[in-house]
All heavy atoms as atom14 arrays in JSON, in Angstrom:
{
  "sequence": "LAAIAVLGRRGDSGQVAPLVLMAAEADQEIAKAARAALSN",
  "atom14_mask": [
    [1, 1, 1, 1, 1, 1, 1, 1, 0, 0, 0, 0, 0, 0],
    [1, 1, 1, 1, 1, 0, 0, 0, 0, 0, 0, 0, 0, 0],
    [1, 1, 1, 1, 1, 0, 0, 0, 0, 0, 0, 0, 0, 0],
    [1, 1, 1, 1, 1, 1, 1, 1, 0, 0, 0, 0, 0, 0],
    [1, 1, 1, 1, 1, 0, 0, 0, 0, 0, 0, 0, 0, 0],
    [1, 1, 1, 1, 1, 1, 1, 0, 0, 0, 0, 0, 0, 0],
    [1, 1, 1, 1, 1, 1, 1, 1, 0, 0, 0, 0, 0, 0],
    [1, 1, 1, 1, 0, 0, 0, 0, 0, 0, 0, 0, 0, 0],
    [1, 1, 1, 1, 1, 1, 1, 1, 1, 1, 1, 0, 0, 0],
    [1, 1, 1, 1, 1, 1, 1, 1, 1, 1, 1, 0, 0, 0],
    [1, 1, 1, 1, 0, 0, 0, 0, 0, 0, 0, 0, 0, 0],
    [1, 1, 1, 1, 1, 1, 1, 1, 0, 0, 0, 0, 0, 0],
    [1, 1, 1, 1, 1, 1, 0, 0, 0, 0, 0, 0, 0, 0],
    [1, 1, 1, 1, 0, 0, 0, 0, 0, 0, 0, 0, 0, 0],
    [1, 1, 1, 1, 1, 1, 1, 1, 1, 0, 0, 0, 0, 0],
    [1, 1, 1, 1, 1, 1, 1, 0, 0, 0, 0, 0, 0, 0],
    [1, 1, 1, 1, 1, 0, 0, 0, 0, 0, 0, 0, 0, 0],
    [1, 1, 1, 1, 1, 1, 1, 0, 0, 0, 0, 0, 0, 0],
    [1, 1, 1, 1, 1, 1, 1, 1, 0, 0, 0, 0, 0, 0],
    [1, 1, 1, 1, 1, 1, 1, 0, 0, 0, 0, 0, 0, 0],
    [1, 1, 1, 1, 1, 1, 1, 1, 0, 0, 0, 0, 0, 0],
    [1, 1, 1, 1, 1, 1, 1, 1, 0, 0, 0, 0, 0, 0],
    [1, 1, 1, 1, 1, 0, 0, 0, 0, 0, 0, 0, 0, 0],
    [1, 1, 1, 1, 1, 0, 0, 0, 0, 0, 0, 0, 0, 0],
    [1, 1, 1, 1, 1, 1, 1, 1, 1, 0, 0, 0, 0, 0],
    [1, 1, 1, 1, 1, 0, 0, 0, 0, 0, 0, 0, 0, 0],
    [1, 1, 1, 1, 1, 1, 1, 1, 0, 0, 0, 0, 0, 0],
    [1, 1, 1, 1, 1, 1, 1, 1, 1, 0, 0, 0, 0, 0],
    [1, 1, 1, 1, 1, 1, 1, 1, 1, 0, 0, 0, 0, 0],
    [1, 1, 1, 1, 1, 1, 1, 1, 0, 0, 0, 0, 0, 0],
    [1, 1, 1, 1, 1, 0, 0, 0, 0, 0, 0, 0, 0, 0],
    [1, 1, 1, 1, 1, 1, 1, 1, 1, 0, 0, 0, 0, 0],
    [1, 1, 1, 1, 1, 0, 0, 0, 0, 0, 0, 0, 0, 0],
    [1, 1, 1, 1, 1, 0, 0, 0, 0, 0, 0, 0, 0, 0],
    [1, 1, 1, 1, 1, 1, 1, 1, 1, 1, 1, 0, 0, 0],
    [1, 1, 1, 1, 1, 0, 0, 0, 0, 0, 0, 0, 0, 0],
    [1, 1, 1, 1, 1, 0, 0, 0, 0, 0, 0, 0, 0, 0],
    [1, 1, 1, 1, 1, 1, 1, 1, 0, 0, 0, 0, 0, 0],
    [1, 1, 1, 1, 1, 1, 0, 0, 0, 0, 0, 0, 0, 0],
    [1, 1, 1, 1, 1, 1, 1, 1, 0, 0, 0, 0, 0, 0]
  ],
  "atom14_positions": [
    [[-11.54, -1.91, -7.8], [-11.27, -2.46, -9.03], [-10.6, -1.38, -9.97], [-9.53, -1.8, -10.72], [-12.52, -2.95, -9.69], [-13.08, -4.25, -9.0], [-14.49, -4.5, -9.56], [-12.12, -5.48, -9.13], [0.0, 0.0, 0.0], [0.0, 0.0, 0.0], [0.0, 0.0, 0.0], [0.0, 0.0, 0.0], [0.0, 0.0, 0.0], [0.0, 0.0, 0.0]],
    [[-11.14, -0.23, -9.91], [-10.56, 0.77, -10.7], [-9.04, 1.08, -10.29], [-8.1, 1.22, -11.12], [-11.3, 2.01, -10.65], [0.0, 0.0, 0.0], [0.0, 0.0, 0.0], [0.0, 0.0, 0.0], [0.0, 0.0, 0.0], [0.0, 0.0, 0.0], [0.0, 0.0, 0.0], [0.0, 0.0, 0.0], [0.0, 0.0, 0.0], [0.0, 0.0, 0.0]],
    [[-8.82, 1.19, -8.93], [-7.5, 1.45, -8.43], [-6.5, 0.22, -8.73], [-5.4, 0.55, -9.1], [-7.63, 1.65, -6.82], [0.0, 0.0, 0.0], [0.0, 0.0, 0.0], [0.0, 0.0, 0.0], [0.0, 0.0, 0.0], [0.0, 0.0, 0.0], [0.0, 0.0, 0.0], [0.0, 0.0, 0.0], [0.0, 0.0, 0.0], [0.0, 0.0, 0.0]],
    [[-7.01, -0.94, -8.6], [-6.07, -2.04, -8.93], [-5.72, -2.04, -10.45], [-4.51, -2.21, -10.69], [-6.84, -3.3, -8.57], [-7.0, -3.5, -7.14], [-6.1, -4.54, -9.22], [-7.84, -4.69, -6.69], [0.0, 0.0, 0.0], [0.0, 0.0, 0.0], [0.0, 0.0, 0.0], [0.0, 0.0, 0.0], [0.0, 0.0, 0.0], [0.0, 0.0, 0.0]],
    [[-6.65, -1.66, -11.23], [-6.3, -1.66, -12.76], [-5.25, -0.43, -12.89], [-4.29, -0.64, -13.72], [-7.51, -1.3, -13.47], [0.0, 0.0, 0.0], [0.0, 0.0, 0.0], [0.0, 0.0, 0.0], [0.0, 0.0, 0.0], [0.0, 0.0, 0.0], [0.0, 0.0, 0.0], [0.0, 0.0, 0.0], [0.0, 0.0, 0.0], [0.0, 0.0, 0.0]],
    [[-5.38, 0.68, -12.14], [-4.41, 1.73, -12.32], [-2.99, 1.28, -11.9], [-1.96, 1.62, -12.56], [-4.88, 2.97, -11.56], [-3.7, 4.05, -11.43], [-6.08, 3.54, -12.21], [0.0, 0.0, 0.0], [0.0, 0.0, 0.0], [0.0, 0.0, 0.0], [0.0, 0.0, 0.0], [0.0, 0.0, 0.0], [0.0, 0.0, 0.0], [0.0, 0.0, 0.0]],
    [[-2.9, 0.55, -10.77], [-1.67, -0.04, -10.3], [-1.01, -0.84, -11.28], [0.21, -0.78, -11.53], [-1.98, -0.73, -8.92], [-2.35, 0.03, -7.73], [-2.43, -0.76, -6.43], [-1.43, 1.39, -7.58], [0.0, 0.0, 0.0], [0.0, 0.0, 0.0], [0.0, 0.0, 0.0], [0.0, 0.0, 0.0], [0.0, 0.0, 0.0], [0.0, 0.0, 0.0]],
    [[-1.83, -1.74, -11.97], [-1.3, -2.57, -12.9], [-0.76, -1.82, -14.13], [0.13, -2.26, -14.77], [0.0, 0.0, 0.0], [0.0, 0.0, 0.0], [0.0, 0.0, 0.0], [0.0, 0.0, 0.0], [0.0, 0.0, 0.0], [0.0, 0.0, 0.0], [0.0, 0.0, 0.0], [0.0, 0.0, 0.0], [0.0, 0.0, 0.0], [0.0, 0.0, 0.0]],
    [[-1.47, -0.69, -14.53], [-1.16, 0.0, -15.74], [-0.02, 0.99, -15.44], [0.88, 1.2, -16.4], [-2.33, 0.73, -16.2], [-2.26, 1.44, -17.38], [-3.67, 1.63, -18.08], [-4.7, 2.01, -17.13], [-4.98, 3.34, -16.79], [-4.22, 4.28, -17.4], [-5.89, 3.54, -15.97], [0.0, 0.0, 0.0], [0.0, 0.0, 0.0], [0.0, 0.0, 0.0]],
    [[0.19, 1.56, -14.33], [1.08, 2.59, -14.03], [2.15, 2.17, -12.93], [3.12, 2.87, -12.84], [0.34, 3.7, -13.47], [-0.62, 4.46, -14.43], [0.13, 5.38, -15.44], [0.99, 6.22, -14.64], [0.67, 7.37, -14.04], [-0.67, 7.64, -13.89], [1.54, 8.06, -13.34], [0.0, 0.0, 0.0], [0.0, 0.0, 0.0], [0.0, 0.0, 0.0]],
    [[2.02, 1.08, -12.38], [2.85, 0.7, -11.3], [4.21, 0.14, -11.71], [4.42, -0.23, -12.83], [0.0, 0.0, 0.0], [0.0, 0.0, 0.0], [0.0, 0.0, 0.0], [0.0, 0.0, 0.0], [0.0, 0.0, 0.0], [0.0, 0.0, 0.0], [0.0, 0.0, 0.0], [0.0, 0.0, 0.0], [0.0, 0.0, 0.0], [0.0, 0.0, 0.0]],
    [[4.98, -0.38, -10.77], [6.34, -0.94, -10.92], [6.6, -2.0, -9.85], [5.57, -2.47, -9.24], [7.39, 0.16, -10.99], [7.5, 0.98, -9.82], [6.93, 0.59, -8.8], [7.97, 2.09, -9.81], [0.0, 0.0, 0.0], [0.0, 0.0, 0.0], [0.0, 0.0, 0.0], [0.0, 0.0, 0.0], [0.0, 0.0, 0.0], [0.0, 0.0, 0.0]],
    [[7.74, -2.41, -9.57], [7.99, -3.42, -8.62], [7.51, -2.98, -7.22], [7.2, -3.86, -6.4], [9.49, -3.73, -8.52], [10.29, -2.57, -8.27], [0.0, 0.0, 0.0], [0.0, 0.0, 0.0], [0.0, 0.0, 0.0], [0.0, 0.0, 0.0], [0.0, 0.0, 0.0], [0.0, 0.0, 0.0], [0.0, 0.0, 0.0], [0.0, 0.0, 0.0]],
    [[7.47, -1.71, -6.98], [6.93, -1.31, -5.68], [5.44, -1.68, -5.41], [5.04, -1.55, -4.18], [0.0, 0.0, 0.0], [0.0, 0.0, 0.0], [0.0, 0.0, 0.0], [0.0, 0.0, 0.0], [0.0, 0.0, 0.0], [0.0, 0.0, 0.0], [0.0, 0.0, 0.0], [0.0, 0.0, 0.0], [0.0, 0.0, 0.0], [0.0, 0.0, 0.0]],
    [[4.68, -2.02, -6.39], [3.29, -2.37, -6.22], [3.15, -3.93, -6.09], [1.95, -4.33, -5.98], [2.54, -1.89, -7.3], [2.65, -0.36, -7.69], [2.3, 0.43, -6.51], [1.57, 0.19, -5.63], [3.01, 1.62, -6.4], [0.0, 0.0, 0.0], [0.0, 0.0, 0.0], [0.0, 0.0, 0.0], [0.0, 0.0, 0.0], [0.0, 0.0, 0.0]],
    [[4.3, -4.69, -6.07], [4.1, -6.16, -6.15], [3.43, -6.62, -4.84], [2.52, -7.33, -4.79], [5.38, -6.76, -6.39], [5.31, -8.36, -5.99], [5.89, -6.55, -7.81], [0.0, 0.0, 0.0], [0.0, 0.0, 0.0], [0.0, 0.0, 0.0], [0.0, 0.0, 0.0], [0.0, 0.0, 0.0], [0.0, 0.0, 0.0], [0.0, 0.0, 0.0]],
    [[3.98, -6.13, -3.79], [3.47, -6.53, -2.42], [2.03, -6.34, -2.26], [1.27, -7.32, -1.89], [4.35, -5.9, -1.33], [0.0, 0.0, 0.0], [0.0, 0.0, 0.0], [0.0, 0.0, 0.0], [0.0, 0.0, 0.0], [0.0, 0.0, 0.0], [0.0, 0.0, 0.0], [0.0, 0.0, 0.0], [0.0, 0.0, 0.0], [0.0, 0.0, 0.0]],
    [[1.52, -5.08, -2.28], [0.05, -4.9, -2.14], [-0.8, -5.74, -3.11], [-1.83, -6.27, -2.71], [-0.12, -3.43, -2.28], [1.04, -2.92, -3.02], [2.09, -3.9, -2.65], [0.0, 0.0, 0.0], [0.0, 0.0, 0.0], [0.0, 0.0, 0.0], [0.0, 0.0, 0.0], [0.0, 0.0, 0.0], [0.0, 0.0, 0.0], [0.0, 0.0, 0.0]],
    [[-0.33, -5.93, -4.36], [-1.15, -6.56, -5.34], [-1.16, -8.07, -5.07], [-2.15, -8.7, -5.3], [-0.58, -6.3, -6.75], [-0.94, -4.94, -7.32], [-0.31, -4.67, -8.63], [-2.41, -4.8, -7.63], [0.0, 0.0, 0.0], [0.0, 0.0, 0.0], [0.0, 0.0, 0.0], [0.0, 0.0, 0.0], [0.0, 0.0, 0.0], [0.0, 0.0, 0.0]],
    [[-0.02, -8.67, -4.53], [-0.01, -10.06, -4.23], [-0.84, -10.33, -3.12], [-1.73, -11.37, -3.2], [1.35, -10.49, -3.74], [1.41, -11.88, -3.17], [2.35, -10.46, -5.03], [0.0, 0.0, 0.0], [0.0, 0.0, 0.0], [0.0, 0.0, 0.0], [0.0, 0.0, 0.0], [0.0, 0.0, 0.0], [0.0, 0.0, 0.0], [0.0, 0.0, 0.0]],
    [[-1.15, -9.4, -2.07], [-2.06, -9.7, -1.04], [-3.46, -9.68, -1.56], [-4.27, -10.49, -1.15], [-1.89, -8.61, -0.03], [-0.53, -8.62, 0.85], [-0.52, -7.43, 1.75], [-0.42, -9.97, 1.52], [0.0, 0.0, 0.0], [0.0, 0.0, 0.0], [0.0, 0.0, 0.0], [0.0, 0.0, 0.0], [0.0, 0.0, 0.0], [0.0, 0.0, 0.0]],
    [[-3.77, -8.78, -2.52], [-5.07, -8.69, -3.05], [-5.33, -9.89, -3.94], [-6.45, -10.4, -4.06], [-5.24, -7.38, -3.82], [-5.34, -6.16, -2.9], [-5.57, -4.57, -3.86], [-3.78, -4.14, -3.95], [0.0, 0.0, 0.0], [0.0, 0.0, 0.0], [0.0, 0.0, 0.0], [0.0, 0.0, 0.0], [0.0, 0.0, 0.0], [0.0, 0.0, 0.0]],
    [[-4.31, -10.39, -4.67], [-4.55, -11.52, -5.5], [-4.85, -12.79, -4.73], [-5.33, -13.86, -5.32], [-3.25, -11.73, -6.26], [0.0, 0.0, 0.0], [0.0, 0.0, 0.0], [0.0, 0.0, 0.0], [0.0, 0.0, 0.0], [0.0, 0.0, 0.0], [0.0, 0.0, 0.0], [0.0, 0.0, 0.0], [0.0, 0.0, 0.0], [0.0, 0.0, 0.0]],
    [[-4.62, -12.84, -3.42], [-4.86, -13.99, -2.63], [-6.16, -13.79, -1.84], [-6.43, -14.7, -1.04], [-3.65, -14.17, -1.62], [0.0, 0.0, 0.0], [0.0, 0.0, 0.0], [0.0, 0.0, 0.0], [0.0, 0.0, 0.0], [0.0, 0.0, 0.0], [0.0, 0.0, 0.0], [0.0, 0.0, 0.0], [0.0, 0.0, 0.0], [0.0, 0.0, 0.0]],
    [[-6.86, -12.77, -2.05], [-8.15, -12.6, -1.36], [-9.2, -13.63, -1.81], [-9.25, -14.16, -2.88], [-8.6, -11.1, -1.53], [-7.81, -10.07, -0.88], [-8.52, -8.63, -0.97], [-9.78, -8.67, -1.11], [-7.78, -7.68, -0.83], [0.0, 0.0, 0.0], [0.0, 0.0, 0.0], [0.0, 0.0, 0.0], [0.0, 0.0, 0.0], [0.0, 0.0, 0.0]],
    [[-10.18, -13.87, -0.86], [-11.34, -14.79, -1.15], [-12.26, -14.17, -2.25], [-12.86, -14.94, -2.9], [-12.02, -14.99, 0.17], [0.0, 0.0, 0.0], [0.0, 0.0, 0.0], [0.0, 0.0, 0.0], [0.0, 0.0, 0.0], [0.0, 0.0, 0.0], [0.0, 0.0, 0.0], [0.0, 0.0, 0.0], [0.0, 0.0, 0.0], [0.0, 0.0, 0.0]],
    [[-12.28, -12.84, -2.27], [-13.19, -12.29, -3.28], [-12.51, -12.42, -4.62], [-11.53, -11.93, -4.99], [-13.29, -10.7, -3.01], [-14.24, -9.93, -3.82], [-14.36, -10.33, -5.04], [-14.97, -9.12, -3.44], [0.0, 0.0, 0.0], [0.0, 0.0, 0.0], [0.0, 0.0, 0.0], [0.0, 0.0, 0.0], [0.0, 0.0, 0.0], [0.0, 0.0, 0.0]],
    [[-13.25, -13.34, -5.45], [-12.65, -13.73, -6.7], [-12.39, -12.65, -7.7], [-11.53, -12.57, -8.54], [-13.44, -14.88, -7.22], [-13.33, -16.18, -6.48], [-11.91, -16.6, -6.33], [-11.22, -16.85, -7.39], [-11.26, -16.81, -5.19], [0.0, 0.0, 0.0], [0.0, 0.0, 0.0], [0.0, 0.0, 0.0], [0.0, 0.0, 0.0], [0.0, 0.0, 0.0]],
    [[-13.48, -11.61, -7.73], [-13.34, -10.65, -8.6], [-12.19, -9.7, -8.35], [-11.37, -9.27, -9.19], [-14.66, -9.73, -8.6], [-14.59, -8.71, -9.7], [-16.03, -7.97, -9.79], [-16.77, -8.09, -8.74], [-16.31, -7.21, -10.77], [0.0, 0.0, 0.0], [0.0, 0.0, 0.0], [0.0, 0.0, 0.0], [0.0, 0.0, 0.0], [0.0, 0.0, 0.0]],
    [[-11.96, -9.39, -7.02], [-10.8, -8.68, -6.67], [-9.44, -9.42, -6.82], [-8.51, -8.91, -7.49], [-10.77, -8.28, -5.11], [-11.93, -7.37, -4.89], [-9.54, -7.67, -4.71], [-11.92, -6.02, -5.46], [0.0, 0.0, 0.0], [0.0, 0.0, 0.0], [0.0, 0.0, 0.0], [0.0, 0.0, 0.0], [0.0, 0.0, 0.0], [0.0, 0.0, 0.0]],
    [[-9.47, -10.65, -6.64], [-8.24, -11.49, -6.78], [-7.88, -11.63, -8.24], [-6.67, -11.48, -8.71], [-8.55, -12.92, -6.18], [0.0, 0.0, 0.0], [0.0, 0.0, 0.0], [0.0, 0.0, 0.0], [0.0, 0.0, 0.0], [0.0, 0.0, 0.0], [0.0, 0.0, 0.0], [0.0, 0.0, 0.0], [0.0, 0.0, 0.0], [0.0, 0.0, 0.0]],
    [[-8.99, -11.76, -9.07], [-8.61, -11.8, -10.51], [-8.05, -10.51, -11.19], [-7.19, -10.48, -11.89], [-9.93, -12.12, -11.26], [-9.82, -12.31, -12.74], [-11.03, -12.72, -13.44], [-10.93, -12.82, -14.98], [-12.29, -13.27, -15.59], [0.0, 0.0, 0.0], [0.0, 0.0, 0.0], [0.0, 0.0, 0.0], [0.0, 0.0, 0.0], [0.0, 0.0, 0.0]],
    [[-8.66, -9.36, -10.72], [-8.16, -8.13, -11.12], [-6.7, -7.92, -10.64], [-5.88, -7.26, -11.31], [-9.05, -7.03, -10.56], [0.0, 0.0, 0.0], [0.0, 0.0, 0.0], [0.0, 0.0, 0.0], [0.0, 0.0, 0.0], [0.0, 0.0, 0.0], [0.0, 0.0, 0.0], [0.0, 0.0, 0.0], [0.0, 0.0, 0.0], [0.0, 0.0, 0.0]],
    [[-6.41, -8.24, -9.41], [-5.09, -8.16, -8.87], [-4.07, -8.98, -9.63], [-2.95, -8.53, -9.97], [-5.06, -8.44, -7.42], [0.0, 0.0, 0.0], [0.0, 0.0, 0.0], [0.0, 0.0, 0.0], [0.0, 0.0, 0.0], [0.0, 0.0, 0.0], [0.0, 0.0, 0.0], [0.0, 0.0, 0.0], [0.0, 0.0, 0.0], [0.0, 0.0, 0.0]],
    [[-4.47, -10.27, -10.02], [-3.55, -11.09, -10.8], [-3.37, -10.45, -12.21], [-2.15, -10.46, -12.68], [-4.15, -12.45, -10.97], [-4.04, -13.23, -9.67], [-4.32, -14.79, -9.9], [-5.61, -14.98, -10.58], [-6.75, -15.31, -9.98], [-6.81, -15.24, -8.55], [-7.96, -15.49, -10.55], [0.0, 0.0, 0.0], [0.0, 0.0, 0.0], [0.0, 0.0, 0.0]],
    [[-4.46, -9.91, -12.8], [-4.27, -9.28, -14.1], [-3.32, -8.03, -13.93], [-2.41, -7.76, -14.83], [-5.62, -8.83, -14.61], [0.0, 0.0, 0.0], [0.0, 0.0, 0.0], [0.0, 0.0, 0.0], [0.0, 0.0, 0.0], [0.0, 0.0, 0.0], [0.0, 0.0, 0.0], [0.0, 0.0, 0.0], [0.0, 0.0, 0.0], [0.0, 0.0, 0.0]],
    [[-3.37, -7.26, -12.88], [-2.48, -6.12, -12.63], [-0.95, -6.58, -12.51], [-0.11, -6.01, -13.0], [-2.95, -5.44, -11.35], [0.0, 0.0, 0.0], [0.0, 0.0, 0.0], [0.0, 0.0, 0.0], [0.0, 0.0, 0.0], [0.0, 0.0, 0.0], [0.0, 0.0, 0.0], [0.0, 0.0, 0.0], [0.0, 0.0, 0.0], [0.0, 0.0, 0.0]],
    [[-0.88, -7.69, -11.68], [0.53, -8.24, -11.64], [1.1, -8.54, -12.87], [2.26, -8.46, -13.14], [0.51, -9.42, -10.56], [0.31, -9.01, -9.07], [-0.03, -10.25, -8.29], [1.63, -8.28, -8.54], [0.0, 0.0, 0.0], [0.0, 0.0, 0.0], [0.0, 0.0, 0.0], [0.0, 0.0, 0.0], [0.0, 0.0, 0.0], [0.0, 0.0, 0.0]],
    [[0.28, -9.18, -13.77], [0.76, -9.7, -15.05], [1.12, -8.41, -15.91], [1.92, -8.63, -16.82], [-0.34, -10.45, -15.73], [-0.65, -11.59, -15.07], [0.0, 0.0, 0.0], [0.0, 0.0, 0.0], [0.0, 0.0, 0.0], [0.0, 0.0, 0.0], [0.0, 0.0, 0.0], [0.0, 0.0, 0.0], [0.0, 0.0, 0.0], [0.0, 0.0, 0.0]],
    [[0.46, -7.21, -15.68], [0.79, -6.1, -16.46], [1.91, -5.19, -16.03], [2.37, -4.38, -16.78], [-0.6, -5.27, -16.57], [-1.56, -6.06, -17.41], [-1.2, -6.8, -18.39], [-2.92, -5.64, -17.11], [0.0, 0.0, 0.0], [0.0, 0.0, 0.0], [0.0, 0.0, 0.0], [0.0, 0.0, 0.0], [0.0, 0.0, 0.0], [0.0, 0.0, 0.0]]
  ]
}
């Protein structure tokens, strides 16, 4: 969760692919965090 938040805060288009995969995970907490990161 901490790492996903960092990717959303500091990342760029290069982080889209891994974050999209995480946003599709069954773990809702992880998926929600990844979607928030993609939005940021």
